[in-house]
Protein backbone atom coordinates (compact mmCIF):
# COMPACT_ATOMS: atom_id res chain seq x y z
CA MET A 1 12.72 59.84 -45.25
CA ILE A 2 13.18 58.29 -41.75
CA LEU A 3 15.70 55.50 -42.96
CA ASP A 4 17.85 58.06 -44.86
CA SER A 5 18.75 59.65 -41.32
CA LEU A 6 19.13 56.42 -39.42
CA ASN A 7 21.46 55.33 -41.97
CA ASN A 8 23.69 59.29 -42.00
CA LEU A 9 23.29 59.16 -37.73
CA LEU A 10 25.17 55.75 -37.98
CA LYS A 11 27.58 56.73 -40.30
CA GLN A 12 28.48 60.04 -38.81
CA SER A 13 28.33 58.92 -35.36
CA SER A 14 28.95 54.67 -34.78
CA ASN A 15 31.22 54.64 -31.82
CA ARG A 16 29.35 58.06 -30.32
CA ILE A 17 26.25 55.23 -30.43
CA GLU A 18 27.98 52.23 -28.84
CA ARG A 19 29.32 54.00 -26.07
CA TRP A 20 25.87 54.72 -25.62
CA PHE A 21 24.89 51.90 -25.44
CA ASP A 22 27.29 50.16 -23.07
CA GLN A 23 26.36 53.56 -20.69
CA GLN A 24 22.74 52.19 -20.55
CA TYR A 25 23.45 48.46 -20.48
CA GLN A 26 25.77 49.62 -17.04
CA ASN A 27 23.77 48.10 -14.49
CA LEU A 28 21.44 45.86 -16.51
CA LEU A 29 21.28 41.87 -17.34
CA PRO A 30 20.72 41.66 -21.03
CA CYS A 31 18.29 39.64 -22.70
CA ILE A 32 20.24 36.28 -23.48
CA TYR A 33 18.11 36.38 -27.03
CA SER A 34 15.42 37.91 -28.43
CA SER A 35 13.90 38.65 -31.67
CA VAL A 36 12.40 42.33 -32.85
CA ASP A 37 9.71 42.41 -35.42
CA ILE A 38 10.13 45.56 -37.15
CA ARG A 39 7.62 47.67 -40.16
CA TYR A 40 8.44 50.65 -41.98
CA SER A 41 6.29 52.51 -43.74
CA GLY A 42 8.58 55.06 -45.88
CA PHE A 43 8.11 57.32 -43.19
CA LYS A 44 8.21 55.77 -39.77
CA ILE A 45 9.33 52.01 -38.59
CA ALA A 46 9.45 51.40 -35.77
CA PRO A 47 9.05 47.46 -33.11
CA VAL A 48 5.79 46.01 -33.52
CA ASP A 49 6.43 43.50 -31.11
CA THR A 50 9.81 41.64 -29.04
CA ASN A 51 9.72 38.35 -28.31
CA LEU A 52 12.04 37.41 -25.10
CA PHE A 53 11.67 33.37 -25.70
CA PRO A 54 12.48 33.62 -29.46
CA ALA A 55 11.85 30.60 -31.98
CA GLY A 56 12.89 30.29 -35.85
CA PHE A 57 16.41 30.25 -35.18
CA ASN A 58 15.99 27.38 -37.69
CA ASN A 59 15.53 29.75 -40.36
CA LEU A 60 19.75 31.13 -39.46
CA ASP A 61 22.41 30.05 -42.14
CA GLN A 62 25.84 28.45 -40.82
CA PRO A 63 27.40 31.48 -40.66
CA ALA A 64 24.53 33.08 -37.78
CA LEU A 65 24.58 30.56 -35.75
CA LEU A 66 28.54 30.19 -36.03
CA GLN A 67 28.04 34.42 -35.01
CA ALA A 68 25.35 33.25 -32.15
CA SER A 69 27.62 30.81 -30.73
CA HIS A 70 30.00 33.38 -29.78
CA ASN A 71 27.89 36.08 -28.69
CA LEU A 72 26.29 33.11 -26.38
CA LYS A 73 29.91 32.34 -25.10
CA LEU A 74 30.54 36.34 -24.42
CA TYR A 75 27.51 36.11 -22.33
CA LEU A 76 28.06 33.97 -20.54
CA THR A 77 31.74 34.15 -19.79
CA LYS A 78 30.18 37.45 -18.43
CA TYR A 79 27.72 37.22 -16.58
CA PHE A 80 27.19 33.31 -15.62
CA PRO A 81 31.69 32.49 -15.59
CA THR A 82 31.06 29.10 -13.66
CA VAL A 83 28.05 27.30 -16.10
CA LYS A 84 29.07 24.59 -18.15
CA LYS A 85 25.90 23.33 -18.71
CA ILE A 86 23.16 24.39 -19.67
CA LEU A 87 19.53 23.32 -19.26
CA LEU A 88 16.98 23.86 -22.43
CA ILE A 89 13.05 23.53 -21.60
CA ALA A 90 11.20 23.55 -24.16
CA GLU A 91 7.31 24.31 -25.24
CA SER A 92 5.39 21.17 -24.96
CA HIS A 93 4.23 21.78 -28.80
CA THR A 94 7.07 19.13 -29.55
CA ARG A 95 5.65 17.38 -32.37
CA ASN A 96 5.85 20.70 -34.68
CA LYS A 97 8.62 20.16 -36.51
CA TYR A 98 9.48 23.81 -37.40
CA TYR A 99 9.32 24.01 -33.66
CA LEU A 100 11.96 21.01 -33.34
CA ASP A 101 14.38 21.91 -36.13
CA ASN A 102 14.56 25.27 -34.41
CA LEU A 103 15.29 23.41 -31.09
CA MET A 104 17.66 21.47 -33.07
CA SER A 105 19.57 24.44 -34.04
CA LEU A 106 19.23 25.82 -30.56
CA ASP A 107 21.09 22.87 -29.55
CA TYR A 108 23.84 22.88 -32.30
CA LEU A 109 25.01 26.67 -31.11
CA ILE A 110 24.87 25.83 -27.71
CA LYS A 111 27.16 23.18 -28.71
CA GLU A 112 28.90 25.05 -30.55
CA ALA A 113 30.02 27.45 -27.57
CA GLY A 114 31.11 24.24 -25.25
CA PHE A 115 28.32 23.94 -22.89
CA GLU A 116 27.31 20.79 -22.68
CA ASN A 117 23.41 21.12 -23.25
CA CYS A 118 20.03 18.72 -22.42
CA ILE A 119 16.21 19.54 -23.66
CA ALA A 120 13.30 18.91 -21.92
CA THR A 121 10.10 19.93 -21.28
CA PHE A 122 8.70 20.64 -18.31
CA ASN A 123 6.99 16.90 -18.15
CA GLU A 124 10.84 15.70 -18.24
CA ILE A 125 11.89 17.32 -15.10
CA VAL A 126 12.61 17.15 -12.15
CA ILE A 127 13.50 18.73 -8.43
CA SER A 128 16.22 17.32 -6.07
CA SER A 129 14.93 17.35 -2.29
CA SER A 130 18.76 17.79 -1.95
CA ASP A 131 20.10 21.12 -2.88
CA ASN A 132 16.33 22.06 -4.95
CA SER A 133 17.94 21.79 -8.07
CA LEU A 134 16.49 21.00 -11.30
CA GLN A 135 17.68 17.75 -13.12
CA THR A 136 16.34 15.89 -15.89
CA GLN A 137 14.42 12.81 -14.97
CA ASN A 138 17.11 10.35 -16.46
CA GLY A 139 19.52 12.63 -14.54
CA PHE A 140 21.20 15.55 -15.81
CA ILE A 141 22.50 18.30 -13.78
CA PRO A 142 22.29 21.85 -15.43
CA ASP A 143 24.43 25.31 -14.27
CA ILE A 144 21.50 27.24 -15.68
CA ILE A 145 17.91 27.11 -17.21
CA LEU A 146 17.19 28.22 -20.44
CA LEU A 147 13.77 29.13 -21.11
CA ASN A 148 12.50 28.66 -24.47
CA ASN A 149 8.78 28.48 -23.48
CA ASP A 150 6.96 31.76 -22.57
CA LEU A 151 5.21 30.22 -19.79
CA THR A 152 1.58 31.20 -21.21
CA THR A 153 -0.69 29.37 -18.56
CA GLY A 154 2.14 30.39 -16.04
CA ALA A 155 5.58 29.48 -14.08
CA PRO A 156 5.12 25.73 -12.95
CA SER A 157 5.67 25.57 -9.12
CA ILE A 158 8.44 23.13 -9.34
CA MET A 159 10.25 26.18 -10.94
CA ASN A 160 9.98 28.15 -7.23
CA ASN A 161 12.97 29.02 -5.58
CA ILE A 162 15.43 26.88 -7.40
CA SER A 163 19.04 27.15 -7.02
CA GLN A 164 20.31 27.46 -10.50
CA PRO A 165 19.68 30.61 -11.97
CA ILE A 166 16.88 31.06 -15.12
CA ILE A 167 17.66 32.80 -18.19
CA PRO A 168 14.90 34.96 -19.27
CA SER A 169 13.39 35.70 -15.71
CA ALA A 170 10.31 33.20 -15.77
CA ALA A 171 8.77 36.84 -14.43
CA LEU A 172 9.35 37.95 -18.33
CA GLY A 173 6.68 35.09 -19.25
CA TRP A 174 3.55 35.92 -20.50
CA HIS A 175 1.12 35.24 -17.61
CA LYS A 176 3.33 38.18 -15.69
CA ARG A 177 4.22 40.14 -18.98
CA ARG A 178 2.42 43.29 -21.12
CA LYS A 179 3.01 44.30 -24.31
CA SER A 180 1.91 47.61 -22.86
CA ASN A 181 4.28 47.61 -19.89
CA TYR A 182 7.29 46.85 -22.95
CA PHE A 183 6.52 49.59 -25.49
CA THR A 184 6.07 51.88 -22.57
CA ASN A 185 9.35 51.31 -21.86
CA TYR A 186 10.63 51.34 -25.74
CA ASN A 187 8.91 54.76 -26.24
CA LYS A 188 11.63 55.94 -22.79
CA ILE A 189 14.21 54.84 -24.36
CA VAL A 190 13.59 56.00 -27.83
CA ARG A 191 12.78 59.84 -26.58
CA ASN A 192 15.79 59.80 -24.37
CA PHE A 193 17.95 58.38 -27.69
CA SER A 194 15.99 60.83 -29.94
CA LEU A 195 17.49 63.50 -27.66
CA GLU A 196 21.14 62.50 -27.54
CA PHE A 197 21.14 61.99 -31.14
CA ASN A 198 18.41 64.52 -32.76
CA LEU A 199 15.73 62.59 -33.56
CA ASP A 200 12.03 62.61 -33.97
CA PRO A 201 11.19 59.82 -31.81
CA PHE A 202 7.88 59.57 -33.31
CA LEU A 203 9.02 58.31 -36.06
CA ILE A 204 11.03 55.14 -34.57
CA SER A 205 8.11 54.50 -32.17
CA THR A 206 4.64 53.69 -32.22
CA LEU A 207 1.33 55.08 -30.31
CA HIS A 208 -0.55 52.30 -28.60
CA SER A 209 -3.06 52.35 -25.17
CA ASN A 210 -4.62 49.24 -23.46
CA CYS A 211 -7.46 48.59 -21.98
CA ILE A 212 -8.64 45.38 -19.35
CA GLY A 213 -11.84 43.53 -18.57
CA VAL A 214 -12.65 43.23 -21.58
CA ASN A 215 -15.01 39.84 -22.87
CA PHE A 216 -15.29 39.26 -26.92
CA GLU A 217 -17.63 36.66 -26.56
CA GLU A 218 -19.72 38.23 -23.85
CA LYS A 219 -18.89 41.83 -25.61
CA ILE A 220 -18.07 43.58 -22.06
CA GLY A 221 -15.89 46.47 -22.44
CA LEU A 222 -15.63 46.48 -26.26
CA GLU A 223 -17.30 50.02 -25.81
CA GLY A 224 -14.02 51.11 -24.26
CA ILE A 225 -12.31 49.63 -26.83
CA ALA A 226 -14.13 51.83 -29.08
CA PHE A 227 -13.75 54.77 -27.76
CA ASN A 228 -10.02 54.93 -27.63
CA ILE A 229 -9.23 53.71 -31.08
CA GLU A 230 -11.49 56.75 -32.23
CA LYS A 231 -9.54 58.81 -29.59
CA MET A 232 -6.11 57.22 -30.72
CA ILE A 233 -6.82 57.48 -34.62
CA ASN A 234 -7.45 61.15 -34.03
CA ILE A 235 -4.48 62.06 -32.51
CA LEU A 236 -3.01 60.35 -35.58
CA ARG A 237 -5.13 62.46 -37.94
CA ARG A 238 -3.39 65.18 -36.11
CA LYS A 239 0.39 64.14 -36.34
CA TYR A 240 0.13 62.52 -40.06
CA LYS A 241 -1.33 66.06 -41.39
CA THR A 242 1.16 67.95 -39.33
CA TYR A 243 4.32 65.87 -40.83
CA GLY A 244 2.49 65.75 -44.16
CA PHE A 245 2.05 62.06 -43.87
CA THR A 246 -0.98 60.64 -46.95
CA ASP A 247 -1.72 57.21 -45.02
CA ASP A 248 -5.25 57.21 -43.52
CA PRO A 249 -4.20 55.67 -39.42
CA TYR A 250 -4.97 52.46 -38.40
CA ILE A 251 -4.97 50.54 -35.49
CA PHE A 252 -4.25 46.97 -34.29
CA VAL A 253 -6.05 45.39 -31.57
CA LYS A 254 -3.70 43.75 -30.20
CA SER A 255 -4.15 40.53 -26.86
CA ASP A 256 -1.60 42.60 -24.41
CA LYS A 257 -0.20 39.47 -23.30
CA GLY A 258 0.49 36.35 -26.35
CA THR A 259 2.42 35.76 -28.82
CA TYR A 260 2.25 33.25 -32.03
CA GLY A 261 0.75 36.64 -33.94
CA MET A 262 -2.44 34.92 -31.80
CA GLY A 263 -5.53 37.90 -30.70
CA VAL A 264 -4.40 40.38 -33.49
CA ILE A 265 -6.88 42.19 -36.05
CA ALA A 266 -6.78 45.59 -38.12
CA VAL A 267 -9.05 48.31 -37.75
CA LYS A 268 -9.70 51.73 -38.95
CA SER A 269 -12.77 53.00 -36.78
CA GLY A 270 -14.17 51.83 -33.21
CA GLU A 271 -17.17 50.77 -35.10
CA GLU A 272 -15.92 48.34 -36.43
CA ILE A 273 -15.13 46.69 -32.50
CA LEU A 274 -18.69 47.56 -32.43
CA HIS A 275 -19.99 45.18 -34.57
CA ILE A 276 -16.98 42.81 -34.45
CA ASN A 277 -17.72 39.36 -36.44
CA LYS A 278 -17.85 35.83 -35.00
CA LYS A 279 -14.75 34.85 -36.92
CA ASN A 280 -12.79 37.69 -35.44
CA LYS A 281 -14.54 37.52 -32.09
CA ASN A 282 -12.96 33.71 -32.04
CA LYS A 283 -10.18 35.30 -32.92
CA MET A 284 -9.47 38.03 -30.08
CA ASN A 285 -12.39 35.74 -27.58
CA ILE A 286 -8.83 33.21 -27.02
CA ILE A 287 -5.22 32.90 -27.36
CA LYS A 288 -2.22 30.40 -27.12
CA GLU A 289 -3.41 27.05 -25.15
CA GLY A 290 -6.81 28.50 -24.54
CA VAL A 291 -5.93 31.63 -22.36
CA LEU A 292 -9.12 34.00 -22.07
CA ASN A 293 -7.72 37.04 -23.82
CA ASN A 294 -9.30 39.77 -21.28
CA GLU A 295 -6.12 42.45 -21.68
CA ILE A 296 -5.71 44.76 -25.10
CA ILE A 297 -3.19 46.84 -25.97
CA LEU A 298 -4.41 48.95 -29.15
CA GLN A 299 -1.54 49.96 -31.29
CA GLU A 300 -0.86 52.12 -33.74
CA GLY A 301 -0.53 50.67 -36.73
CA ILE A 302 2.08 50.90 -39.36
CA ARG A 303 2.04 49.44 -43.13
CA THR A 304 4.80 47.90 -43.89
CA ILE A 305 6.23 48.80 -48.11
CA ASP A 306 8.74 45.69 -47.70
CA ARG A 307 7.95 42.88 -49.95
CA TYR A 308 9.35 39.59 -51.36
CA ARG A 309 8.47 38.60 -54.50
CA ASN A 310 6.04 40.61 -54.71
CA ASN A 311 4.68 39.73 -51.02
CA PRO A 312 4.23 42.23 -47.74
CA ALA A 313 7.00 41.76 -45.55
CA GLU A 314 8.08 43.10 -42.25
CA LYS A 315 11.93 42.65 -41.18
CA MET A 316 12.60 39.85 -37.87
CA ILE A 317 16.23 40.81 -36.13
CA TYR A 318 17.56 37.59 -33.82
CA LEU A 319 19.30 39.00 -30.99
CA MET A 320 22.18 36.75 -29.03
CA GLY A 321 23.55 37.76 -26.44
CA PRO A 322 24.26 41.52 -24.91
CA GLY A 323 21.84 42.76 -27.46
CA LYS A 324 23.99 42.27 -30.96
CA PRO A 325 22.29 41.52 -33.78
CA ILE A 326 23.03 37.94 -35.55
CA ALA A 327 20.42 37.75 -37.98
CA VAL A 328 17.83 39.58 -40.10
CA ILE A 329 14.63 37.67 -41.56
CA ASP A 330 12.01 38.39 -43.73
CA ARG A 331 8.80 37.68 -42.77
CA PHE A 332 6.53 37.34 -46.04
CA ASN A 333 2.49 36.65 -46.05
CA ASN A 334 1.10 35.41 -49.70
CA LYS A 335 -2.81 35.52 -47.58
CA HIS A 336 -2.38 38.86 -46.27
CA SER A 337 -1.57 43.14 -46.97
CA GLU A 338 0.94 45.47 -45.79
CA PHE A 339 -1.24 46.86 -43.86
CA ASP A 340 -2.54 43.39 -41.64
CA ASN A 341 -0.76 40.77 -38.95
CA LEU A 342 1.67 39.20 -40.92
CA ASN A 343 2.55 37.00 -38.42
CA SER A 344 -0.40 34.38 -39.23
CA ASN A 345 -1.97 31.54 -42.13
CA GLY A 346 0.42 32.43 -45.26
CA MET A 347 3.34 33.28 -44.12
CA GLY A 348 6.77 32.20 -44.79
CA PHE A 349 10.52 33.38 -43.85
CA ASN A 350 13.70 34.23 -45.74
CA LEU A 351 16.95 35.34 -44.72
CA ASN A 352 18.26 38.91 -45.60
CA LYS A 353 21.59 39.05 -46.05
CA ASN A 354 21.70 42.34 -47.67
CA ASN A 355 23.35 43.81 -44.62
CA SER A 356 24.43 46.84 -45.18
CA ALA A 357 20.24 47.79 -45.79
CA ASN A 358 19.99 46.41 -42.84
CA LYS A 359 22.11 48.30 -40.28
CA SER A 360 18.88 50.98 -39.28
CA PHE A 361 16.21 48.00 -38.58
CA GLU A 362 18.94 46.38 -36.62
CA LEU A 363 19.70 49.69 -34.38
CA ILE A 364 15.71 49.57 -34.05
CA ALA A 365 15.82 46.61 -32.39
CA MET A 366 19.11 46.74 -30.36
CA LEU A 367 16.59 49.69 -28.81
CA ALA A 368 13.63 47.30 -28.64
CA ALA A 369 16.71 44.49 -26.66
CA LEU A 370 17.25 47.26 -24.44
CA ALA A 371 13.89 48.31 -23.86
CA ALA A 372 13.89 44.68 -22.96
CA ALA A 373 16.13 44.40 -20.51
CA ILE A 374 14.70 47.24 -18.65
CA GLU A 375 11.93 45.65 -18.23
């Protein structure tokens, strides 16, 4: 099993692995924070999404928040040593209680790290004409901008050419970022890592392709999606047969530029797209903040064998600072199966403290975070 291989690798070569990551990061700015969704099927383990503007810090306990605080301080001291004041720019849906709790957790860990912090939305900030710096309407002038807003609808013009650094970069918002580009980077990283440590990259990655110019409402481009699904299914069938895997391959059809689990369905054939029902058509047509979903990524589906209280679950690894894991969260769902998208109605969260069993998942998350830094 792939977990056995990864666990043995970590036991025998942990120092070598650490040096390999240090070498990869030599000319890169690591992500300030991220969360990685990982699925494990028993024979494959791979990231299925990497969020560069993560929420959910409210699911962390005190030790994890303090570890995050420590990592944040190390990160800013190394890469932005003059920073003392931080402006955390939040999403506009601040009536969501869970998101508000997330912001409070971020505020806590930032202040515990020794920095001043102010939380604001784009509606609450202005730009100074004298030095082109962002500040809040009540006069808080930060040294750095920390984005917790994924910019689905674009970066406001107020962010153009400001004097303070912005992390993560506004260019990583969903108005520009594409999952297909990210997973191409991840698969390159995995090939290099696997060559170095004698692993099979197929077992820690997913196949993917993308389709553009799609309109689900008007059924434009669906034939191309169906053709690519059949092509990927056939490739996977041959691969699975070679490895002796008995699972039937299936594909996640996702928005290539979105998050929050919106615009995601699972299919086993191209025919399912050609005969998509009204419910799924509506689900796929519009994503967060009313944005038209016209770019699609097709990604190899990985059923999950992880469970929490007899519900299908998947692991979310939170990282803070220089690509370092700080917590593992089980996302479980009592309304969906092990084949489905679990980031949907019916989900719940559990802080997983089985540290020894989580090491292999954390390694995959570190590879995912490295791919994001390259992105």
